[in-house]
């Protein structure tokens, strides 16, 4: 199989030239483009998620030999969550080479966090199947770069951290309220308020409800820290 110019350039961006180009084509093919003669990337995404997890677990153990499981777990979660995977995908312009159906194209699929996160995991699996574990490991460490060394001890999910803060003070879990929505239907922007029963509140705006909730929780945690 001969790759398009865009996919050849993409190989250069990730630093891996495929012996079996069909694997790369499958990795960048979304389910909205699948057919009887065209496989999508869902099965590769399933495998890539596991390969990424193993590589990150090994890397974290090697980077801090004194860290406890309680310290390692939040770092691991921060490195493999969809937001991080999507950030990596954007850095290598993965969205540009995705093969999407018309509906996904119209709805801004090339920018969607979940779609990008799944696709980078599929690319990892494609490299794994093309050249083995060491090649996929090298790819991951190269693409994640200094994220592994700089991930913080408190890299917990912000919503989880805020809930734990409330529980420690015998407060009910925080509430997340949609206070505004703007933009076209295919690219909405949400403003979410994170609110505690004690009256503390913070708002944030993002292209998805989940991202806005996380950002609002992060802002509220920072406010609570300052008010100590």
Protein backbone atom coordinates (compact mmCIF):
# COMPACT_ATOMS: atom_id res chain seq x y z
CA UNK A 1 0.00 0.00 0.00
CA UNK A 2 1.28 3.46 -0.92
CA UNK A 3 0.74 6.21 1.63
CA UNK A 4 -0.55 9.65 0.77
CA UNK A 5 1.77 12.63 1.09
CA UNK A 6 0.07 13.71 4.32
CA UNK A 7 0.61 10.30 5.92
CA UNK A 8 4.23 10.16 4.77
CA UNK A 9 4.78 13.53 6.42
CA UNK A 10 3.01 12.27 9.53
CA UNK A 11 5.45 9.36 9.74
CA UNK A 12 8.21 11.93 9.92
CA UNK A 13 6.46 13.80 12.73
CA UNK A 14 6.15 10.69 14.89
CA UNK A 15 9.58 9.32 13.97
CA UNK A 16 8.45 5.92 12.71
CA UNK A 17 8.30 4.64 9.12
CA UNK A 18 5.85 1.77 8.80
CA UNK A 19 6.87 -1.53 7.25
CA UNK A 20 3.14 -2.21 6.87
CA UNK A 21 1.55 1.11 5.85
CA UNK A 22 -1.93 -0.41 6.11
CA UNK A 23 -1.56 -0.32 9.90
CA UNK A 24 -1.12 3.44 9.86
CA UNK A 25 -4.10 3.89 7.55
CA UNK A 26 -6.24 1.83 9.90
CA UNK A 27 -5.00 3.78 12.93
CA UNK A 28 -6.18 7.08 11.47
CA UNK A 29 -9.53 5.77 10.19
CA UNK A 30 -12.44 6.74 12.43
CA UNK A 31 -15.50 4.50 12.77
CA UNK A 32 -17.51 7.05 10.77
CA UNK A 33 -15.41 6.06 7.72
CA UNK A 34 -15.43 2.29 8.23
CA UNK A 35 -16.99 -0.06 5.69
CA UNK A 36 -16.93 -3.71 4.66
CA UNK A 37 -13.61 -3.06 2.92
CA UNK A 38 -12.18 -0.53 5.38
CA UNK A 39 -11.31 -1.26 9.02
CA UNK A 40 -11.56 1.51 11.63
CA UNK A 41 -9.21 2.20 14.52
CA UNK A 42 -11.34 1.01 17.45
CA UNK A 43 -9.58 -2.32 18.00
CA UNK A 44 -6.19 -0.62 17.71
CA UNK A 45 -7.28 2.00 20.24
CA UNK A 46 -8.14 -0.79 22.70
CA UNK A 47 -4.65 -2.26 22.34
CA UNK A 48 -2.85 1.08 22.33
CA UNK A 49 -4.45 2.07 25.62
CA UNK A 50 -2.83 -1.00 27.25
CA UNK A 51 0.55 -0.43 25.64
CA UNK A 52 0.53 3.21 26.77
CA UNK A 53 -0.37 2.17 30.31
CA UNK A 54 2.49 -0.32 30.56
CA UNK A 55 5.06 2.12 29.19
CA UNK A 56 3.92 4.89 31.54
CA UNK A 57 3.95 2.59 34.57
CA UNK A 58 7.51 1.52 33.77
CA UNK A 59 8.64 5.09 33.11
CA UNK A 60 7.20 6.41 36.37
CA UNK A 61 8.84 3.65 38.39
CA UNK A 62 12.18 4.44 36.75
CA UNK A 63 11.86 8.21 37.16
CA UNK A 64 11.25 8.09 40.93
CA UNK A 65 12.47 4.95 42.69
CA UNK A 66 11.33 6.23 46.10
CA UNK A 67 7.73 7.09 45.18
CA UNK A 68 4.94 5.17 46.86
CA UNK A 69 1.99 3.65 45.03
CA UNK A 70 -0.13 6.48 46.39
CA UNK A 71 2.16 9.01 44.69
CA UNK A 72 2.55 7.06 41.46
CA UNK A 73 -1.17 6.44 40.83
CA UNK A 74 -2.21 10.10 40.34
CA UNK A 75 0.85 10.75 38.18
CA UNK A 76 -0.05 7.77 36.01
CA UNK A 77 -3.65 8.92 35.66
CA UNK A 78 -2.51 12.41 34.65
CA UNK A 79 -0.25 11.01 31.92
CA UNK A 80 -2.71 8.57 30.31
CA UNK A 81 -6.01 10.44 30.58
CA UNK A 82 -7.78 11.54 27.42
CA UNK A 83 -6.91 15.20 27.90
CA UNK A 84 -3.19 14.42 27.87
CA UNK A 85 -3.49 12.01 24.94
CA UNK A 86 -5.39 14.66 22.98
CA UNK A 87 -2.71 17.27 23.75
CA UNK A 88 -0.03 14.92 22.39
CA UNK A 89 -2.16 14.29 19.30
CA UNK A 90 -2.48 18.03 18.67
CA UNK A 91 1.28 18.54 18.96
CA UNK A 92 1.87 16.13 16.06
CA UNK A 93 -1.14 17.45 14.12
CA UNK A 94 -2.83 14.06 14.13
CA UNK A 95 -6.19 15.66 13.40
CA UNK A 96 -4.97 16.72 9.96
CA UNK A 97 -4.56 13.10 8.77
CA UNK A 98 -7.66 11.54 10.33
CA UNK A 99 -10.07 9.86 7.94
CA UNK A 100 -13.54 10.93 9.00
CA UNK A 101 -17.06 10.51 7.72
CA UNK A 102 -18.96 13.54 6.54
CA UNK A 103 -20.93 13.94 9.77
CA UNK A 104 -17.77 13.96 11.87
CA UNK A 105 -16.09 16.36 9.48
CA UNK A 106 -18.99 18.81 9.73
CA UNK A 107 -19.12 18.56 13.53
CA UNK A 108 -15.44 19.44 13.95
CA UNK A 109 -14.17 15.91 14.53
CA UNK A 110 -10.55 16.84 13.85
CA UNK A 111 -10.58 18.95 17.03
CA UNK A 112 -12.57 16.66 19.33
CA UNK A 113 -10.70 15.63 22.45
CA UNK A 114 -12.09 12.10 22.71
CA UNK A 115 -11.53 11.40 19.03
CA UNK A 116 -7.94 12.67 19.13
CA UNK A 117 -7.19 10.76 22.34
CA UNK A 118 -8.48 7.53 20.84
CA UNK A 119 -6.55 8.09 17.63
CA UNK A 120 -3.16 8.57 19.31
CA UNK A 121 -3.72 5.31 21.19
CA UNK A 122 -4.50 3.62 17.87
CA UNK A 123 -1.26 4.99 16.39
CA UNK A 124 0.66 3.58 19.37
CA UNK A 125 -0.89 0.16 18.75
CA UNK A 126 -0.12 0.38 15.03
CA UNK A 127 3.57 0.98 15.81
CA UNK A 128 3.47 -1.88 18.33
CA UNK A 129 2.07 -4.29 15.73
CA UNK A 130 4.40 -2.97 13.03
CA UNK A 131 7.69 -3.08 14.94
CA UNK A 132 7.17 -4.47 18.44
CA UNK A 133 7.13 -3.19 22.00
CA UNK A 134 10.48 -1.39 22.01
CA UNK A 135 9.47 0.70 19.00
CA UNK A 136 6.14 1.65 20.58
CA UNK A 137 7.89 2.40 23.87
CA UNK A 138 10.36 4.70 22.12
CA UNK A 139 7.48 6.43 20.32
CA UNK A 140 5.57 7.07 23.54
CA UNK A 141 8.59 8.38 25.45
CA UNK A 142 9.47 10.62 22.50
CA UNK A 143 5.97 12.06 22.11
CA UNK A 144 5.23 12.49 25.83
CA UNK A 145 8.62 14.16 26.28
CA UNK A 146 9.20 15.88 29.61
CA UNK A 147 5.64 15.30 30.80
CA UNK A 148 6.86 12.22 32.66
CA UNK A 149 9.54 14.11 34.59
CA UNK A 150 7.40 17.15 35.33
CA UNK A 151 4.10 15.50 36.28
CA UNK A 152 3.25 16.66 39.79
CA UNK A 153 2.54 14.61 42.88
CA UNK A 154 -0.88 16.24 43.11
CA UNK A 155 -1.72 15.48 39.45
CA UNK A 156 -5.05 14.07 40.50
CA UNK A 157 -8.16 14.64 38.52
CA UNK A 158 -9.26 18.11 39.70
CA UNK A 159 -12.87 17.04 40.25
CA UNK A 160 -11.72 14.12 42.40
CA UNK A 161 -9.41 16.39 44.39
CA UNK A 162 -12.23 18.90 44.97
CA UNK A 163 -14.58 16.14 46.12
CA UNK A 164 -11.93 14.85 48.53
CA UNK A 165 -11.48 18.40 49.87
CA UNK A 166 -15.22 18.62 50.52
CA UNK A 167 -15.41 15.19 52.13
CA UNK A 168 -12.53 15.99 54.47
CA UNK A 169 -14.59 18.92 55.77
CA UNK A 170 -17.81 16.90 55.96
CA UNK A 171 -19.39 18.82 53.09
CA UNK A 172 -21.55 17.25 50.35
CA UNK A 173 -19.87 16.66 46.96
CA UNK A 174 -19.51 19.76 44.78
CA UNK A 175 -22.17 20.55 42.20
CA UNK A 176 -21.44 21.41 38.58
CA UNK A 177 -23.93 23.71 36.91
CA UNK A 178 -24.08 24.80 33.28
CA UNK A 179 -24.47 28.58 33.45
CA UNK A 180 -23.97 29.43 29.77
CA UNK A 181 -23.57 27.89 26.35
CA UNK A 182 -22.48 29.64 23.18
CA UNK A 183 -21.19 28.93 19.71
CA UNK A 184 -22.68 26.87 16.88
CA UNK A 185 -24.15 23.41 17.48
CA UNK A 186 -21.15 21.69 15.91
CA UNK A 187 -18.66 23.57 18.11
CA UNK A 188 -20.35 24.61 21.37
CA UNK A 189 -18.58 26.39 24.22
CA UNK A 190 -19.72 25.70 27.78
CA UNK A 191 -19.41 27.78 30.93
CA UNK A 192 -19.65 25.64 34.05
CA UNK A 193 -19.78 26.66 37.71
CA UNK A 194 -18.25 24.41 40.38
CA UNK A 195 -20.10 25.11 43.63
CA UNK A 196 -19.69 23.93 47.22
CA UNK A 197 -22.36 23.97 49.89
CA UNK A 198 -20.32 26.51 51.90
CA UNK A 199 -20.84 29.04 49.11
CA UNK A 200 -17.45 28.76 47.44
CA UNK A 201 -17.75 28.83 43.66
CA UNK A 202 -15.66 29.19 40.51
CA UNK A 203 -16.50 29.23 36.82
CA UNK A 204 -14.64 28.14 33.70
CA UNK A 205 -15.29 27.99 29.97
CA UNK A 206 -14.20 25.23 27.57
CA UNK A 207 -15.27 23.45 24.35
CA UNK A 208 -16.67 20.46 26.29
CA UNK A 209 -18.62 20.13 29.53
CA UNK A 210 -16.02 17.76 30.98
CA UNK A 211 -13.14 20.13 30.27
CA UNK A 212 -15.09 23.08 31.68
CA UNK A 213 -15.93 21.11 34.83
CA UNK A 214 -12.28 20.17 35.29
CA UNK A 215 -11.15 23.75 34.76
CA UNK A 216 -13.76 25.09 37.19
CA UNK A 217 -12.70 22.54 39.80
CA UNK A 218 -9.04 23.51 39.30
CA UNK A 219 -9.85 27.21 39.73
CA UNK A 220 -11.94 26.58 42.83
CA UNK A 221 -9.20 24.45 44.40
CA UNK A 222 -6.71 27.25 43.81
CA UNK A 223 -9.07 29.75 45.44
CA UNK A 224 -9.53 27.49 48.46
CA UNK A 225 -5.76 27.07 48.78
CA UNK A 226 -5.24 30.86 48.79
CA UNK A 227 -7.92 31.36 51.43
CA UNK A 228 -6.25 29.07 53.99
